Amino acid sequence: MSALFALATSLLWGLADFGGGLLTRRTPALTVVVASQIIAVTVLGGIVVATGGWSEAGPQLWFAAAAGVVGPAAMLCFYRALALGPMGVVSPLGALGGVIVPLGVALVLGERPGLLHVSGVVVAVAGVVLASGPQTGGAPVQRQTLLLTLVAALGFGSVMALIAEASTTLTGLFLALFVQRVCNVAVGGTALFVSVRRGNPGLPEGGMGVVWASLPALAFVGLADVAANGTYNLAAHHGPVTVAAVLASFYPVVTALAARGLLGERLRVVQATGAGLALVGTLLLATG
């Protein structure tokens, strides 16, 4: 069950990233983030009320709040790094952080994976990095770009580790995800306000009409991201975190395959190799 939940996480995150990437071609990235998360907050608020999730309130919600603050900050660093440096360097390092931090936490807390699991982790991580399209040539990467990328990677991994600790029950999980998204909106909304005050556009060309027309896509992105956090929490509680963290980090493979299937983008040889290694790693982890 843990492997299935973790793979569902990758599928959802990969599709959410693909959808978000398409939306940011027409709409400022911060606006996409804030609008999609407002939709998620609205839906989750209704679910919490319907399921009586408020009864699960407790100290563990601080983990959800922390994830809600760290997540947008990490994403902003990631976007800035992508703007400053080569995507072929920034993207693999960002994906790698989502693996290393939860793995490190799991090892510190006493998890000891077997030899087959370790082999699967190594192969799968290599696949994730290669599927992100690493770039080894070209101009040197600026120190600021590298620093922003490492901060983003640490943030992505921290969100995974924090959300895994945010709840141990299903109704509590709904409440934790709601708290996380409220914090997402607060941080993202503040960043959007500051960005607009600095003269950056807050709306796409065409104004609010374009945003309204994009509501179905925005809803998909926001809700898929929420669902991914939920399935990751379930994966982390139904099996080893060392397995869940690796399998949940396959989302760059999903994004690349979605771009190939829906946009006709060609996979580079290194990306196709990474996808194959990711599959092999999945088999090793599943059988281990």
C-alpha atoms as a PDB file:
ATOM      1  CA  MET A   1       0.000   0.000   0.000  1.00  0.00           C
ATOM      2  CA  SER A   2       2.828   2.410   0.798  1.00  0.00           C
ATOM      3  CA  ALA A   3       4.317   2.004  -2.679  1.00  0.00           C
ATOM      4  CA  LEU A   4       0.925   2.574  -4.337  1.00  0.00           C
ATOM      5  CA  PHE A   5       0.247   5.733  -2.320  1.00  0.00           C
ATOM      6  CA  ALA A   6       3.754   7.040  -3.053  1.00  0.00           C
ATOM      7  CA  LEU A   7       3.413   6.377  -6.789  1.00  0.00           C
ATOM      8  CA  ALA A   8       0.024   8.126  -6.706  1.00  0.00           C
ATOM      9  CA  THR A   9       1.834  11.072  -5.123  1.00  0.00           C
ATOM     10  CA  SER A  10       4.290  11.183  -8.013  1.00  0.00           C
ATOM     11  CA  LEU A  11       1.484  11.003 -10.559  1.00  0.00           C
ATOM     12  CA  LEU A  12      -0.442  13.835  -8.894  1.00  0.00           C
ATOM     13  CA  TRP A  13       2.583  16.087  -8.356  1.00  0.00           C
ATOM     14  CA  GLY A  14       3.819  15.442 -11.886  1.00  0.00           C
ATOM     15  CA  LEU A  15       0.464  16.345 -13.440  1.00  0.00           C
ATOM     16  CA  ALA A  16       0.099  19.373 -11.155  1.00  0.00           C
ATOM     17  CA  ASP A  17       3.546  20.622 -12.199  1.00  0.00           C
ATOM     18  CA  PHE A  18       2.681  20.060 -15.843  1.00  0.00           C
ATOM     19  CA  GLY A  19      -0.596  21.951 -15.489  1.00  0.00           C
ATOM     20  CA  GLY A  20       1.043  24.722 -13.505  1.00  0.00           C
ATOM     21  CA  GLY A  21       3.766  25.049 -16.121  1.00  0.00           C
ATOM     22  CA  LEU A  22       1.174  25.506 -18.849  1.00  0.00           C
ATOM     23  CA  LEU A  23      -0.727  28.101 -16.834  1.00  0.00           C
ATOM     24  CA  THR A  24       2.387  30.164 -16.099  1.00  0.00           C
ATOM     25  CA  ARG A  25       2.928  30.630 -19.833  1.00  0.00           C
ATOM     26  CA  ARG A  26       0.007  33.083 -19.782  1.00  0.00           C
ATOM     27  CA  THR A  27      -0.389  34.038 -16.116  1.00  0.00           C
ATOM     28  CA  PRO A  28       2.236  35.219 -13.574  1.00  0.00           C
ATOM     29  CA  ALA A  29       3.509  32.263 -11.528  1.00  0.00           C
ATOM     30  CA  LEU A  30       2.585  33.826  -8.172  1.00  0.00           C
ATOM     31  CA  THR A  31      -0.963  34.423  -9.353  1.00  0.00           C
ATOM     32  CA  VAL A  32      -1.237  30.785 -10.435  1.00  0.00           C
ATOM     33  CA  VAL A  33       0.027  29.610  -7.048  1.00  0.00           C
ATOM     34  CA  VAL A  34      -2.266  31.859  -5.002  1.00  0.00           C
ATOM     35  CA  ALA A  35      -5.395  31.280  -7.114  1.00  0.00           C
ATOM     36  CA  SER A  36      -4.974  27.494  -7.193  1.00  0.00           C
ATOM     37  CA  GLN A  37      -4.384  27.379  -3.427  1.00  0.00           C
ATOM     38  CA  ILE A  38      -7.445  29.540  -2.686  1.00  0.00           C
ATOM     39  CA  ILE A  39      -9.548  26.979  -4.542  1.00  0.00           C
ATOM     40  CA  ALA A  40      -7.893  24.194  -2.547  1.00  0.00           C
ATOM     41  CA  VAL A  41      -8.574  26.002   0.747  1.00  0.00           C
ATOM     42  CA  THR A  42     -12.250  26.419  -0.168  1.00  0.00           C
ATOM     43  CA  VAL A  43     -12.691  22.727  -1.007  1.00  0.00           C
ATOM     44  CA  LEU A  44     -10.730  21.519   2.015  1.00  0.00           C
ATOM     45  CA  GLY A  45     -12.662  23.840   4.327  1.00  0.00           C
ATOM     46  CA  GLY A  46     -15.900  22.213   3.201  1.00  0.00           C
ATOM     47  CA  ILE A  47     -14.451  18.729   3.725  1.00  0.00           C
ATOM     48  CA  VAL A  48     -13.193  19.598   7.220  1.00  0.00           C
ATOM     49  CA  VAL A  49     -16.630  20.902   8.222  1.00  0.00           C
ATOM     50  CA  ALA A  50     -18.398  17.870   6.720  1.00  0.00           C
ATOM     51  CA  THR A  51     -16.099  15.316   8.403  1.00  0.00           C
ATOM     52  CA  GLY A  52     -15.777  17.059  11.763  1.00  0.00           C
ATOM     53  CA  GLY A  53     -12.046  17.463  11.282  1.00  0.00           C
ATOM     54  CA  TRP A  54     -11.852  20.302  13.807  1.00  0.00           C
ATOM     55  CA  SER A  55     -12.045  17.676  16.563  1.00  0.00           C
ATOM     56  CA  GLU A  56      -8.580  16.478  15.503  1.00  0.00           C
ATOM     57  CA  ALA A  57      -6.916  19.809  16.285  1.00  0.00           C
ATOM     58  CA  GLY A  58      -3.742  19.376  18.295  1.00  0.00           C
ATOM     59  CA  PRO A  59      -0.043  20.214  18.526  1.00  0.00           C
ATOM     60  CA  GLN A  60       0.705  18.186  15.375  1.00  0.00           C
ATOM     61  CA  LEU A  61      -0.920  20.945  13.318  1.00  0.00           C
ATOM     62  CA  TRP A  62       2.239  22.977  13.809  1.00  0.00           C
ATOM     63  CA  PHE A  63       3.892  20.560  11.390  1.00  0.00           C
ATOM     64  CA  ALA A  64       1.209  21.387   8.819  1.00  0.00           C
ATOM     65  CA  ALA A  65       1.590  25.124   9.427  1.00  0.00           C
ATOM     66  CA  ALA A  66       5.358  24.867   9.013  1.00  0.00           C
ATOM     67  CA  ALA A  67       4.900  22.936   5.759  1.00  0.00           C
ATOM     68  CA  GLY A  68       2.522  25.663   4.598  1.00  0.00           C
ATOM     69  CA  VAL A  69       5.112  28.370   5.210  1.00  0.00           C
ATOM     70  CA  VAL A  70       8.150  26.477   3.915  1.00  0.00           C
ATOM     71  CA  GLY A  71       6.469  25.236   0.714  1.00  0.00           C
ATOM     72  CA  PRO A  72       5.765  28.594  -0.970  1.00  0.00           C
ATOM     73  CA  ALA A  73       9.143  29.958   0.145  1.00  0.00           C
ATOM     74  CA  ALA A  74      10.866  26.961  -1.445  1.00  0.00           C
ATOM     75  CA  MET A  75       8.846  27.362  -4.637  1.00  0.00           C
ATOM     76  CA  LEU A  76       9.721  31.049  -4.891  1.00  0.00           C
ATOM     77  CA  CYS A  77      13.423  30.229  -4.515  1.00  0.00           C
ATOM     78  CA  PHE A  78      13.037  27.523  -7.142  1.00  0.00           C
ATOM     79  CA  TYR A  79      11.346  29.862  -9.642  1.00  0.00           C
ATOM     80  CA  ARG A  80      14.020  32.495  -9.032  1.00  0.00           C
ATOM     81  CA  ALA A  81      16.773  29.938  -9.566  1.00  0.00           C
ATOM     82  CA  LEU A  82      15.144  28.819 -12.825  1.00  0.00           C
ATOM     83  CA  ALA A  83      15.079  32.435 -13.970  1.00  0.00           C
ATOM     84  CA  LEU A  84      18.754  32.982 -13.136  1.00  0.00           C
ATOM     85  CA  GLY A  85      20.342  29.688 -14.142  1.00  0.00           C
ATOM     86  CA  PRO A  86      20.103  26.718 -16.498  1.00  0.00           C
ATOM     87  CA  MET A  87      17.023  24.542 -15.939  1.00  0.00           C
ATOM     88  CA  GLY A  88      19.158  21.473 -16.649  1.00  0.00           C
ATOM     89  CA  VAL A  89      21.079  22.166 -13.431  1.00  0.00           C
ATOM     90  CA  VAL A  90      18.364  23.646 -11.225  1.00  0.00           C
ATOM     91  CA  SER A  91      15.631  21.043 -11.865  1.00  0.00           C
ATOM     92  CA  PRO A  92      17.637  17.884 -10.948  1.00  0.00           C
ATOM     93  CA  LEU A  93      18.996  19.466  -7.769  1.00  0.00           C
ATOM     94  CA  GLY A  94      15.493  20.543  -6.749  1.00  0.00           C
ATOM     95  CA  ALA A  95      14.134  17.042  -7.284  1.00  0.00           C
ATOM     96  CA  LEU A  96      17.032  15.498  -5.390  1.00  0.00           C
ATOM     97  CA  GLY A  97      16.265  17.549  -2.295  1.00  0.00           C
ATOM     98  CA  GLY A  98      12.806  15.993  -2.108  1.00  0.00           C
ATOM     99  CA  VAL A  99      14.487  12.621  -1.668  1.00  0.00           C
ATOM    100  CA  ILE A 100      17.446  13.349   0.563  1.00  0.00           C
ATOM    101  CA  VAL A 101      15.717  15.231   3.402  1.00  0.00           C
ATOM    102  CA  PRO A 102      12.956  12.654   4.133  1.00  0.00           C
ATOM    103  CA  LEU A 103      15.500   9.844   3.779  1.00  0.00           C
ATOM    104  CA  GLY A 104      17.815  11.539   6.245  1.00  0.00           C
ATOM    105  CA  VAL A 105      14.987  12.080   8.734  1.00  0.00           C
ATOM    106  CA  ALA A 106      13.895   8.450   8.413  1.00  0.00           C
ATOM    107  CA  LEU A 107      17.445   7.179   9.038  1.00  0.00           C
ATOM    108  CA  VAL A 108      17.858   9.444  12.068  1.00  0.00           C
ATOM    109  CA  LEU A 109      14.554   8.132  13.462  1.00  0.00           C
ATOM    110  CA  GLY A 110      15.811   4.571  13.207  1.00  0.00           C
ATOM    111  CA  GLU A 111      14.690   3.155   9.842  1.00  0.00           C
ATOM    112  CA  ARG A 112      17.205   0.674   8.460  1.00  0.00           C
ATOM    113  CA  PRO A 113      16.398  -0.377   4.870  1.00  0.00           C
ATOM    114  CA  GLY A 114      17.568  -3.747   3.572  1.00  0.00           C
ATOM    115  CA  LEU A 115      20.061  -4.305   0.764  1.00  0.00           C
ATOM    116  CA  LEU A 116      17.361  -4.557  -1.910  1.00  0.00           C
ATOM    117  CA  HIS A 117      15.768  -1.333  -0.704  1.00  0.00           C
ATOM    118  CA  VAL A 118      19.133   0.438  -0.703  1.00  0.00           C
ATOM    119  CA  SER A 119      19.787  -0.738  -4.254  1.00  0.00           C
ATOM    120  CA  GLY A 120      16.348   0.461  -5.299  1.00  0.00           C
ATOM    121  CA  VAL A 121      16.922   3.852  -3.673  1.00  0.00           C
ATOM    122  CA  VAL A 122      20.242   4.350  -5.483  1.00  0.00           C
ATOM    123  CA  VAL A 123      18.860   3.328  -8.878  1.00  0.00           C
ATOM    124  CA  ALA A 124      15.626   5.304  -8.434  1.00  0.00           C
ATOM    125  CA  VAL A 125      17.364   8.492  -7.279  1.00  0.00           C
ATOM    126  CA  ALA A 126      19.688   8.294 -10.276  1.00  0.00           C
ATOM    127  CA  GLY A 127      16.619   7.885 -12.482  1.00  0.00           C
ATOM    128  CA  VAL A 128      14.877  10.914 -10.946  1.00  0.00           C
ATOM    129  CA  VAL A 129      17.931  13.116 -11.461  1.00  0.00           C
ATOM    130  CA  LEU A 130      18.476  11.981 -15.053  1.00  0.00           C
ATOM    131  CA  ALA A 131      14.778  12.297 -15.917  1.00  0.00           C
ATOM    132  CA  SER A 132      14.963  15.943 -14.840  1.00  0.00           C
ATOM    133  CA  GLY A 133      17.358  16.547 -17.725  1.00  0.00           C
ATOM    134  CA  PRO A 134      20.684  17.365 -16.043  1.00  0.00           C
ATOM    135  CA  GLN A 135      23.061  19.698 -17.836  1.00  0.00           C
ATOM    136  CA  THR A 136      26.804  19.296 -17.435  1.00  0.00           C
ATOM    137  CA  GLY A 137      28.110  21.673 -20.082  1.00  0.00           C
ATOM    138  CA  GLY A 138      27.692  25.382 -20.691  1.00  0.00           C
ATOM    139  CA  ALA A 139      28.501  28.410 -18.595  1.00  0.00           C
ATOM    140  CA  PRO A 140      29.348  28.062 -14.907  1.00  0.00           C
ATOM    141  CA  VAL A 141      26.409  28.286 -12.520  1.00  0.00           C
ATOM    142  CA  GLN A 142      26.374  31.481 -10.458  1.00  0.00           C
ATOM    143  CA  ARG A 143      26.733  31.152  -6.707  1.00  0.00           C
ATOM    144  CA  GLN A 144      23.364  32.864  -6.141  1.00  0.00           C
ATOM    145  CA  THR A 145      21.635  30.376  -8.442  1.00  0.00           C
ATOM    146  CA  LEU A 146      23.217  27.428  -6.669  1.00  0.00           C
ATOM    147  CA  LEU A 147      22.318  28.830  -3.235  1.00  0.00           C
ATOM    148  CA  LEU A 148      18.692  29.440  -4.236  1.00  0.00           C
ATOM    149  CA  THR A 149      18.458  25.939  -5.693  1.00  0.00           C
ATOM    150  CA  LEU A 150      19.835  24.317  -2.553  1.00  0.00           C
ATOM    151  CA  VAL A 151      17.432  26.322  -0.357  1.00  0.00           C
ATOM    152  CA  ALA A 152      14.533  25.244  -2.591  1.00  0.00           C
ATOM    153  CA  ALA A 153      15.646  21.604  -2.493  1.00  0.00           C
ATOM    154  CA  LEU A 154      15.892  21.689   1.297  1.00  0.00           C
ATOM    155  CA  GLY A 155      12.450  23.278   1.433  1.00  0.00           C
ATOM    156  CA  PHE A 156      10.845  20.669  -0.835  1.00  0.00           C
ATOM    157  CA  GLY A 157      12.267  17.849   1.235  1.00  0.00           C
ATOM    158  CA  SER A 158      11.264  19.548   4.485  1.00  0.00           C
ATOM    159  CA  VAL A 159       7.653  19.848   3.318  1.00  0.00           C
ATOM    160  CA  MET A 160       7.558  16.094   2.684  1.00  0.00           C
ATOM    161  CA  ALA A 161       9.027  15.357   6.103  1.00  0.00           C
ATOM    162  CA  LEU A 162       6.706  17.813   7.876  1.00  0.00           C
ATOM    163  CA  ILE A 163       3.484  16.704   6.203  1.00  0.00           C
ATOM    164  CA  ALA A 164       4.277  13.100   7.101  1.00  0.00           C
ATOM    165  CA  GLU A 165       4.150  14.109  10.772  1.00  0.00           C
ATOM    166  CA  ALA A 166       1.088  16.366  10.536  1.00  0.00           C
ATOM    167  CA  SER A 167      -1.561  13.698  11.185  1.00  0.00           C
ATOM    168  CA  THR A 168      -2.101  10.016  11.894  1.00  0.00           C
ATOM    169  CA  THR A 169      -5.858   9.841  11.087  1.00  0.00           C
ATOM    170  CA  LEU A 170      -7.810  10.524   7.900  1.00  0.00           C
ATOM    171  CA  THR A 171     -10.014  13.289   9.333  1.00  0.00           C
ATOM    172  CA  GLY A 172      -6.959  14.789  10.992  1.00  0.00           C
ATOM    173  CA  LEU A 173      -5.210  14.697   7.609  1.00  0.00           C
ATOM    174  CA  PHE A 174      -7.988  16.803   6.053  1.00  0.00           C
ATOM    175  CA  LEU A 175      -7.549  19.377   8.809  1.00  0.00           C
ATOM    176  CA  ALA A 176      -3.756  19.330   8.462  1.00  0.00           C
ATOM    177  CA  LEU A 177      -3.975  19.872   4.699  1.00  0.00           C
ATOM    178  CA  PHE A 178      -6.430  22.733   5.262  1.00  0.00           C
ATOM    179  CA  VAL A 179      -4.054  24.441   7.711  1.00  0.00           C
ATOM    180  CA  GLN A 180      -1.149  23.908   5.324  1.00  0.00           C
ATOM    181  CA  ARG A 181      -3.049  25.509   2.429  1.00  0.00           C
ATOM    182  CA  VAL A 182      -4.213  28.474   4.514  1.00  0.00           C
ATOM    183  CA  CYS A 183      -0.549  29.163   5.275  1.00  0.00           C
ATOM    184  CA  ASN A 184       0.270  28.669   1.584  1.00  0.00           C
ATOM    185  CA  VAL A 185      -2.248  31.364   0.646  1.00  0.00           C
ATOM    186  CA  ALA A 186      -1.000  33.729   3.373  1.00  0.00           C
ATOM    187  CA  VAL A 187       2.649  33.440   2.301  1.00  0.00           C
ATOM    188  CA  GLY A 188       1.923  33.399  -1.423  1.00  0.00           C
ATOM    189  CA  GLY A 189      -0.556  36.264  -1.167  1.00  0.00           C
ATOM    190  CA  THR A 190       1.984  38.388   0.702  1.00  0.00           C
ATOM    191  CA  ALA A 191       4.631  37.642  -1.932  1.00  0.00           C
ATOM    192  CA  LEU A 192       2.156  38.532  -4.705  1.00  0.00           C
ATOM    193  CA  PHE A 193       1.255  41.808  -2.987  1.00  0.00           C
ATOM    194  CA  VAL A 194       4.927  42.761  -2.642  1.00  0.00           C
ATOM    195  CA  SER A 195       5.587  41.771  -6.264  1.00  0.00           C
ATOM    196  CA  VAL A 196       2.742  43.964  -7.554  1.00  0.00           C
ATOM    197  CA  ARG A 197       3.864  46.876  -5.384  1.00  0.00           C
ATOM    198  CA  ARG A 198       7.260  46.598  -7.048  1.00  0.00           C
ATOM    199  CA  GLY A 199       5.672  47.057 -10.442  1.00  0.00           C
ATOM    200  CA  ASN A 200       5.394  43.456 -11.593  1.00  0.00           C
ATOM    201  CA  PRO A 201       2.134  42.394 -13.247  1.00  0.00           C
ATOM    202  CA  GLY A 202      -0.319  40.505 -11.056  1.00  0.00           C
ATOM    203  CA  LEU A 203      -2.696  39.588 -13.856  1.00  0.00           C
ATOM    204  CA  PRO A 204      -2.128  38.176 -17.350  1.00  0.00           C
ATOM    205  CA  GLU A 205      -2.784  40.106 -20.519  1.00  0.00           C
ATOM    206  CA  GLY A 206      -6.551  40.161 -20.793  1.00  0.00           C
ATOM    207  CA  GLY A 207      -7.030  40.721 -17.060  1.00  0.00           C
ATOM    208  CA  MET A 208      -9.385  38.794 -14.809  1.00  0.00           C
ATOM    209  CA  GLY A 209     -11.211  37.320 -17.774  1.00  0.00           C
ATOM    210  CA  VAL A 210      -8.219  35.079 -18.475  1.00  0.00           C
ATOM    211  CA  VAL A 211      -8.073  34.016 -14.809  1.00  0.00           C
ATOM    212  CA  TRP A 212     -11.795  33.165 -14.746  1.00  0.00           C
ATOM    213  CA  ALA A 213     -11.423  31.171 -17.951  1.00  0.00           C
ATOM    214  CA  SER A 214      -8.543  29.255 -16.358  1.00  0.00           C
ATOM    215  CA  LEU A 215     -10.475  28.306 -13.197  1.00  0.00           C
ATOM    216  CA  PRO A 216     -10.911  24.605 -14.143  1.00  0.00           C
ATOM    217  CA  ALA A 217      -7.173  24.255 -14.775  1.00  0.00           C
ATOM    218  CA  LEU A 218      -6.338  26.203 -11.619  1.00  0.00           C
ATOM    219  CA  ALA A 219      -8.668  23.955  -9.626  1.00  0.00           C
ATOM    220  CA  PHE A 220      -6.984  20.864 -11.035  1.00  0.00           C
ATOM    221  CA  VAL A 221      -3.509  22.142 -10.149  1.00  0.00           C
ATOM    222  CA  GLY A 222      -4.491  23.135  -6.607  1.00  0.00           C
ATOM    223  CA  LEU A 223      -6.468  20.000  -5.805  1.00  0.00           C
ATOM    224  CA  ALA A 224      -3.923  17.637  -7.381  1.00  0.00           C
ATOM    225  CA  ASP A 225      -1.208  19.219  -5.239  1.00  0.00           C
ATOM    226  CA  VAL A 226      -3.358  18.811  -2.116  1.00  0.00           C
ATOM    227  CA  ALA A 227      -4.155  15.201  -2.975  1.00  0.00           C
ATOM    228  CA  ALA A 228      -0.463  14.499  -3.502  1.00  0.00           C
ATOM    229  CA  ASN A 229       0.353  15.750  -0.012  1.00  0.00           C
ATOM    230  CA  GLY A 230      -2.417  13.549   1.349  1.00  0.00           C
ATOM    231  CA  THR A 231      -1.284  10.406  -0.438  1.00  0.00           C
ATOM    232  CA  TYR A 232       2.289  11.046   0.678  1.00  0.00           C
ATOM    233  CA  ASN A 233       1.154  11.250   4.295  1.00  0.00           C
ATOM    234  CA  LEU A 234      -0.655   7.915   3.863  1.00  0.00           C
ATOM    235  CA  ALA A 235       2.395   6.369   2.156  1.00  0.00           C
ATOM    236  CA  ALA A 236       4.662   7.452   5.001  1.00  0.00           C
ATOM    237  CA  HIS A 237       2.325   5.845   7.564  1.00  0.00           C
ATOM    238  CA  HIS A 238       1.754   2.578   5.701  1.00  0.00           C
ATOM    239  CA  GLY A 239       5.374   1.635   5.095  1.00  0.00           C
ATOM    240  CA  PRO A 240       9.025   2.729   5.280  1.00  0.00           C
ATOM    241  CA  VAL A 241       9.573   6.433   4.682  1.00  0.00           C
ATOM    242  CA  THR A 242      12.746   5.504   2.791  1.00  0.00           C
ATOM    243  CA  VAL A 243      10.559   3.844   0.152  1.00  0.00           C
ATOM    244  CA  ALA A 244       7.774   6.443   0.195  1.00  0.00           C
ATOM    245  CA  ALA A 245      10.144   9.397  -0.221  1.00  0.00           C
ATOM    246  CA  VAL A 246      11.898   7.923  -3.243  1.00  0.00           C
ATOM    247  CA  LEU A 247       8.779   6.739  -5.053  1.00  0.00           C
ATOM    248  CA  ALA A 248       7.005  10.034  -4.350  1.00  0.00           C
ATOM    249  CA  SER A 249       9.863  11.903  -6.009  1.00  0.00           C
ATOM    250  CA  PHE A 250       9.241  10.399  -9.450  1.00  0.00           C
ATOM    251  CA  TYR A 251       7.127  13.397 -10.429  1.00  0.00           C
ATOM    252  CA  PRO A 252       9.754  14.795 -12.871  1.00  0.00           C
ATOM    253  CA  VAL A 253       9.308  11.557 -14.848  1.00  0.00           C
ATOM    254  CA  VAL A 254       5.523  12.087 -14.944  1.00  0.00           C
ATOM    255  CA  THR A 255       5.921  15.734 -16.000  1.00  0.00           C
ATOM    256  CA  ALA A 256       8.339  14.802 -18.777  1.00  0.00           C
ATOM    257  CA  LEU A 257       6.072  12.018 -20.051  1.00  0.00           C
ATOM    258  CA  ALA A 258       3.031  14.336 -19.955  1.00  0.00           C
ATOM    259  CA  ALA A 259       4.918  16.912 -22.005  1.00  0.00           C
ATOM    260  CA  ARG A 260       5.880  14.171 -24.444  1.00  0.00           C
ATOM    261  CA  GLY A 261       2.369  12.788 -24.786  1.00  0.00           C
ATOM    262  CA  LEU A 262       0.318  16.004 -24.746  1.00  0.00           C
ATOM    263  CA  LEU A 263       2.682  18.597 -26.205  1.00  0.00           C
ATOM    264  CA  GLY A 264       4.806  16.383 -28.427  1.00  0.00           C
ATOM    265  CA  GLU A 265       8.016  17.399 -26.655  1.00  0.00           C
ATOM    266  CA  ARG A 266      10.834  14.960 -27.296  1.00  0.00           C
ATOM    267  CA  LEU A 267      12.568  13.321 -24.390  1.00  0.00           C
ATOM    268  CA  ARG A 268      16.328  13.731 -24.438  1.00  0.00           C
ATOM    269  CA  VAL A 269      18.334  10.532 -24.288  1.00  0.00           C
ATOM    270  CA  VAL A 270      19.349  11.271 -20.709  1.00  0.00           C
ATOM    271  CA  GLN A 271      15.685  11.743 -19.720  1.00  0.00           C
ATOM    272  CA  ALA A 272      14.597   8.496 -21.365  1.00  0.00           C
ATOM    273  CA  THR A 273      17.443   6.714 -19.579  1.00  0.00           C
ATOM    274  CA  GLY A 274      16.325   8.263 -16.295  1.00  0.00           C
ATOM    275  CA  ALA A 275      12.746   7.114 -16.820  1.00  0.00           C
ATOM    276  CA  GLY A 276      13.994   3.567 -17.390  1.00  0.00           C
ATOM    277  CA  LEU A 277      16.160   3.641 -14.264  1.00  0.00           C
ATOM    278  CA  ALA A 278      13.237   5.015 -12.263  1.00  0.00           C
ATOM    279  CA  LEU A 279      11.146   2.040 -13.370  1.00  0.00           C
ATOM    280  CA  VAL A 280      13.881  -0.401 -12.383  1.00  0.00           C
ATOM    281  CA  GLY A 281      14.236   1.332  -9.015  1.00  0.00           C
ATOM    282  CA  THR A 282      10.492   1.100  -8.499  1.00  0.00           C
ATOM    283  CA  LEU A 283      10.552  -2.648  -9.082  1.00  0.00           C
ATOM    284  CA  LEU A 284      13.428  -3.089  -6.637  1.00  0.00           C
ATOM    285  CA  LEU A 285      11.679  -1.046  -3.962  1.00  0.00           C
ATOM    286  CA  ALA A 286       8.354  -2.792  -4.496  1.00  0.00           C
ATOM    287  CA  THR A 287       9.855  -6.266  -4.289  1.00  0.00           C
ATOM    288  CA  GLY A 288      12.127  -5.391  -1.378  1.00  0.00           C
END
